[in-house]
Every structure is written in structure tokens, then in C-alpha cells.
Amino acid sequence: MTTDEIKKSVSMHEVVERYGYRPNRAEFISCPFHHGDRTPSMKIYKRDYHCQACGNHGDVFTFVMGMERCDFKTAFSILGGTYEHSKTD
């Protein structure tokens, strides 16, 4: 899958649930990127997220990179991405 295909097929909800988070009725979770978040402050949207307390925001790739402490290439692979190698004659 390409980056665009992943963004279209993998929702933010699916990604946060992979890490054990369940958004509440208002679609918030406790932010995993700052300590002491007693009241859920990270809003989960369909394709991205935003923490109202620490300002962290991004898409499915950014979330995985933050959770796994990895680079984009690794997050891309975790989310099912594949790199196509071009052939040269």
C-alpha cells in the first residue's frame, strides 16, 4: 500500500485502539505523549488527532512514530505500507 492508500483505509480510531486506547463519547483519549493527563485531552478525528493540552497533533503515521519512537519508514511498514522498487534496464 502507498501512503495515500493507508491514509484512506486506516482510520485514526483503528490506530489508537491498536495501542489500547478507547475514545470516550466525545472522541477523546488521555494523551500518550505527555505525563499527568488525568482528563482525556487528545481529540481523535477520523484521519488525525490533536491534544488540547500539549499541542501534539498529526495523522496515523505521526501517531505510530510517537508511540513506537521510530522513523516514518518504520511507521509506514507497521501500517502495512510497501515500497516498490523500480527496475532499470
N, C-alpha and C. Protein backbone atom coordinates (compact mmCIF):
# COMPACT_ATOMS: atom_id res chain seq x y z
N MET A 1 0.84 -1.19 0.00
CA MET A 1 0.00 0.00 0.00
C MET A 1 0.87 1.24 0.00
N THR A 2 0.37 2.28 -0.60
CA THR A 2 1.07 3.55 -0.64
C THR A 2 0.63 4.40 0.56
N THR A 3 1.29 5.53 0.77
CA THR A 3 0.94 6.44 1.85
C THR A 3 -0.52 6.88 1.74
N ASP A 4 -0.95 7.29 0.56
CA ASP A 4 -2.33 7.73 0.37
C ASP A 4 -3.33 6.61 0.61
N GLU A 5 -2.99 5.40 0.17
CA GLU A 5 -3.89 4.26 0.38
C GLU A 5 -4.04 3.95 1.87
N ILE A 6 -2.94 4.06 2.61
CA ILE A 6 -3.00 3.84 4.05
C ILE A 6 -3.88 4.89 4.70
N LYS A 7 -3.67 6.16 4.34
CA LYS A 7 -4.46 7.24 4.92
C LYS A 7 -5.96 7.07 4.65
N LYS A 8 -6.29 6.51 3.49
CA LYS A 8 -7.70 6.31 3.15
C LYS A 8 -8.29 5.08 3.83
N SER A 9 -7.47 4.06 4.07
CA SER A 9 -8.01 2.80 4.57
C SER A 9 -7.86 2.58 6.08
N VAL A 10 -6.94 3.30 6.72
CA VAL A 10 -6.70 3.11 8.15
C VAL A 10 -7.16 4.37 8.89
N SER A 11 -8.17 4.22 9.74
CA SER A 11 -8.68 5.37 10.48
C SER A 11 -7.85 5.61 11.74
N MET A 12 -7.92 6.80 12.26
CA MET A 12 -7.24 7.15 13.50
C MET A 12 -7.77 6.28 14.63
N HIS A 13 -9.07 6.01 14.63
CA HIS A 13 -9.67 5.16 15.67
C HIS A 13 -9.04 3.77 15.69
N GLU A 14 -8.82 3.20 14.52
CA GLU A 14 -8.20 1.88 14.43
C GLU A 14 -6.79 1.91 15.03
N VAL A 15 -6.05 2.95 14.72
CA VAL A 15 -4.68 3.05 15.20
C VAL A 15 -4.63 3.21 16.71
N VAL A 16 -5.41 4.12 17.28
CA VAL A 16 -5.35 4.30 18.74
C VAL A 16 -5.83 3.05 19.47
N GLU A 17 -6.79 2.33 18.89
CA GLU A 17 -7.27 1.10 19.52
C GLU A 17 -6.21 0.00 19.47
N ARG A 18 -5.35 0.00 18.46
CA ARG A 18 -4.24 -0.96 18.40
C ARG A 18 -3.32 -0.80 19.61
N TYR A 19 -3.26 0.41 20.14
CA TYR A 19 -2.40 0.71 21.28
C TYR A 19 -3.16 0.69 22.61
N GLY A 20 -4.38 0.19 22.57
CA GLY A 20 -5.14 0.00 23.81
C GLY A 20 -5.96 1.19 24.27
N TYR A 21 -6.10 2.20 23.45
CA TYR A 21 -6.90 3.38 23.81
C TYR A 21 -8.30 3.25 23.24
N ARG A 22 -9.28 3.67 24.02
CA ARG A 22 -10.67 3.68 23.56
C ARG A 22 -11.22 5.09 23.73
N PRO A 23 -11.49 5.77 22.63
CA PRO A 23 -12.04 7.13 22.75
C PRO A 23 -13.37 7.12 23.52
N ASN A 24 -13.57 8.16 24.34
CA ASN A 24 -14.83 8.29 25.07
C ASN A 24 -15.92 8.81 24.13
N ARG A 25 -17.08 9.10 24.67
CA ARG A 25 -18.21 9.54 23.83
C ARG A 25 -17.90 10.79 23.03
N ALA A 26 -17.08 11.65 23.59
CA ALA A 26 -16.71 12.89 22.90
C ALA A 26 -15.49 12.71 21.99
N GLU A 27 -15.03 11.46 21.84
CA GLU A 27 -13.89 11.11 20.98
C GLU A 27 -12.54 11.60 21.53
N PHE A 28 -12.38 11.59 22.85
CA PHE A 28 -11.12 11.97 23.49
C PHE A 28 -10.47 10.76 24.14
N ILE A 29 -9.12 10.77 24.18
CA ILE A 29 -8.36 9.80 24.95
C ILE A 29 -7.34 10.57 25.79
N SER A 30 -6.76 9.90 26.79
CA SER A 30 -5.66 10.51 27.53
C SER A 30 -4.45 10.52 26.60
N CYS A 31 -3.80 11.64 26.53
CA CYS A 31 -2.67 11.80 25.61
C CYS A 31 -1.50 10.92 26.04
N PRO A 32 -1.03 10.05 25.14
CA PRO A 32 0.12 9.21 25.47
C PRO A 32 1.46 9.94 25.36
N PHE A 33 1.43 11.20 24.91
CA PHE A 33 2.67 11.91 24.65
C PHE A 33 3.06 12.92 25.72
N HIS A 34 2.25 13.06 26.75
CA HIS A 34 2.67 13.87 27.91
C HIS A 34 2.14 13.23 29.18
N HIS A 35 2.84 13.43 30.27
CA HIS A 35 2.51 12.78 31.54
C HIS A 35 1.46 13.58 32.31
N GLY A 36 0.68 12.87 33.11
CA GLY A 36 -0.27 13.51 34.02
C GLY A 36 -1.57 13.94 33.37
N ASP A 37 -1.95 13.32 32.27
CA ASP A 37 -3.20 13.69 31.58
C ASP A 37 -4.36 12.97 32.28
N ARG A 38 -4.85 13.56 33.37
CA ARG A 38 -5.92 12.94 34.15
C ARG A 38 -7.27 13.01 33.45
N THR A 39 -7.49 14.09 32.74
CA THR A 39 -8.71 14.26 31.96
C THR A 39 -8.32 14.12 30.49
N PRO A 40 -8.94 13.18 29.77
CA PRO A 40 -8.56 12.99 28.36
C PRO A 40 -8.54 14.32 27.60
N SER A 41 -7.41 14.58 26.94
CA SER A 41 -7.26 15.86 26.25
C SER A 41 -6.94 15.70 24.76
N MET A 42 -6.77 14.46 24.30
CA MET A 42 -6.45 14.26 22.89
C MET A 42 -7.72 13.90 22.13
N LYS A 43 -8.11 14.77 21.22
CA LYS A 43 -9.29 14.56 20.39
C LYS A 43 -8.91 13.68 19.21
N ILE A 44 -9.70 12.63 19.00
CA ILE A 44 -9.46 11.71 17.89
C ILE A 44 -10.49 12.00 16.80
N TYR A 45 -9.99 12.36 15.64
CA TYR A 45 -10.84 12.60 14.48
C TYR A 45 -10.73 11.39 13.55
N LYS A 46 -11.41 11.42 12.45
CA LYS A 46 -11.38 10.29 11.53
C LYS A 46 -9.99 10.02 10.98
N ARG A 47 -9.28 11.06 10.58
CA ARG A 47 -7.98 10.89 9.93
C ARG A 47 -6.79 11.49 10.69
N ASP A 48 -7.05 12.18 11.80
CA ASP A 48 -5.95 12.76 12.55
C ASP A 48 -6.32 12.94 14.01
N TYR A 49 -5.44 13.58 14.78
CA TYR A 49 -5.65 13.80 16.21
C TYR A 49 -5.05 15.14 16.61
N HIS A 50 -5.49 15.64 17.77
CA HIS A 50 -4.91 16.87 18.32
C HIS A 50 -5.08 16.85 19.83
N CYS A 51 -3.98 17.06 20.56
CA CYS A 51 -4.03 17.15 22.01
C CYS A 51 -4.19 18.61 22.40
N GLN A 52 -5.26 18.91 23.11
CA GLN A 52 -5.52 20.28 23.50
C GLN A 52 -4.64 20.74 24.65
N ALA A 53 -3.99 19.80 25.34
CA ALA A 53 -3.12 20.17 26.46
C ALA A 53 -1.68 20.44 26.01
N CYS A 54 -1.08 19.52 25.26
CA CYS A 54 0.33 19.68 24.89
C CYS A 54 0.53 20.16 23.45
N GLY A 55 -0.55 20.16 22.65
CA GLY A 55 -0.46 20.63 21.28
C GLY A 55 0.01 19.60 20.27
N ASN A 56 0.29 18.38 20.72
CA ASN A 56 0.71 17.34 19.80
C ASN A 56 -0.42 17.04 18.82
N HIS A 57 -0.08 16.93 17.54
CA HIS A 57 -1.10 16.64 16.54
C HIS A 57 -0.46 15.94 15.35
N GLY A 58 -1.29 15.28 14.56
CA GLY A 58 -0.77 14.61 13.38
C GLY A 58 -1.75 13.60 12.83
N ASP A 59 -1.22 12.71 11.99
CA ASP A 59 -2.05 11.69 11.35
C ASP A 59 -1.65 10.31 11.86
N VAL A 60 -2.11 9.27 11.19
CA VAL A 60 -1.82 7.91 11.65
C VAL A 60 -0.31 7.64 11.68
N PHE A 61 0.43 8.18 10.74
CA PHE A 61 1.87 7.98 10.70
C PHE A 61 2.56 8.65 11.90
N THR A 62 2.17 9.88 12.17
CA THR A 62 2.75 10.63 13.28
C THR A 62 2.48 9.93 14.60
N PHE A 63 1.24 9.42 14.77
CA PHE A 63 0.88 8.73 16.00
C PHE A 63 1.74 7.48 16.19
N VAL A 64 1.88 6.67 15.16
CA VAL A 64 2.69 5.45 15.25
C VAL A 64 4.15 5.80 15.51
N MET A 65 4.67 6.83 14.85
CA MET A 65 6.06 7.24 15.07
C MET A 65 6.27 7.64 16.53
N GLY A 66 5.29 8.34 17.11
CA GLY A 66 5.39 8.74 18.51
C GLY A 66 5.29 7.56 19.47
N MET A 67 4.39 6.66 19.19
CA MET A 67 4.20 5.50 20.06
C MET A 67 5.36 4.52 19.99
N GLU A 68 5.88 4.31 18.80
CA GLU A 68 6.95 3.34 18.59
C GLU A 68 8.34 3.97 18.69
N ARG A 69 8.38 5.31 18.75
CA ARG A 69 9.65 6.04 18.74
C ARG A 69 10.50 5.59 17.55
N CYS A 70 9.87 5.72 16.38
CA CYS A 70 10.52 5.25 15.16
C CYS A 70 10.44 6.32 14.08
N ASP A 71 11.09 6.05 12.97
CA ASP A 71 11.05 6.97 11.83
C ASP A 71 9.84 6.68 10.95
N PHE A 72 9.65 7.52 9.94
CA PHE A 72 8.49 7.37 9.05
C PHE A 72 8.50 6.03 8.33
N LYS A 73 9.66 5.62 7.84
CA LYS A 73 9.76 4.37 7.09
C LYS A 73 9.26 3.18 7.93
N THR A 74 9.63 3.14 9.19
CA THR A 74 9.19 2.06 10.08
C THR A 74 7.70 2.16 10.34
N ALA A 75 7.20 3.37 10.59
CA ALA A 75 5.76 3.55 10.81
C ALA A 75 4.97 3.15 9.57
N PHE A 76 5.47 3.50 8.41
CA PHE A 76 4.85 3.14 7.14
C PHE A 76 4.71 1.62 7.03
N SER A 77 5.77 0.90 7.37
CA SER A 77 5.74 -0.56 7.33
C SER A 77 4.77 -1.14 8.37
N ILE A 78 4.77 -0.58 9.57
CA ILE A 78 3.86 -1.05 10.62
C ILE A 78 2.41 -0.93 10.17
N LEU A 79 2.12 0.13 9.44
CA LEU A 79 0.75 0.38 8.98
C LEU A 79 0.41 -0.37 7.69
N GLY A 80 1.31 -1.19 7.21
CA GLY A 80 1.03 -2.01 6.04
C GLY A 80 1.57 -1.49 4.73
N GLY A 81 2.41 -0.48 4.79
CA GLY A 81 2.97 0.10 3.57
C GLY A 81 4.01 -0.80 2.94
N THR A 82 4.12 -0.69 1.65
CA THR A 82 5.13 -1.45 0.92
C THR A 82 5.87 -0.51 -0.02
N TYR A 83 7.16 -0.71 -0.13
CA TYR A 83 7.98 0.07 -1.03
C TYR A 83 8.12 -0.69 -2.34
N GLU A 84 7.90 0.01 -3.42
CA GLU A 84 8.06 -0.60 -4.74
C GLU A 84 9.42 -0.22 -5.28
N HIS A 85 10.15 -1.19 -5.71
CA HIS A 85 11.48 -0.94 -6.28
C HIS A 85 11.33 -0.80 -7.79
N SER A 86 11.88 0.27 -8.32
CA SER A 86 11.79 0.46 -9.77
C SER A 86 12.92 -0.33 -10.45
N LYS A 87 12.60 -0.82 -11.61
CA LYS A 87 13.59 -1.60 -12.37
C LYS A 87 14.26 -0.68 -13.39
N THR A 88 15.54 -0.84 -13.50
CA THR A 88 16.27 -0.09 -14.51
C THR A 88 16.86 -1.08 -15.51
N ASP A 89 16.75 -0.76 -16.75
CA ASP A 89 17.26 -1.66 -17.80
C ASP A 89 18.63 -1.22 -18.25
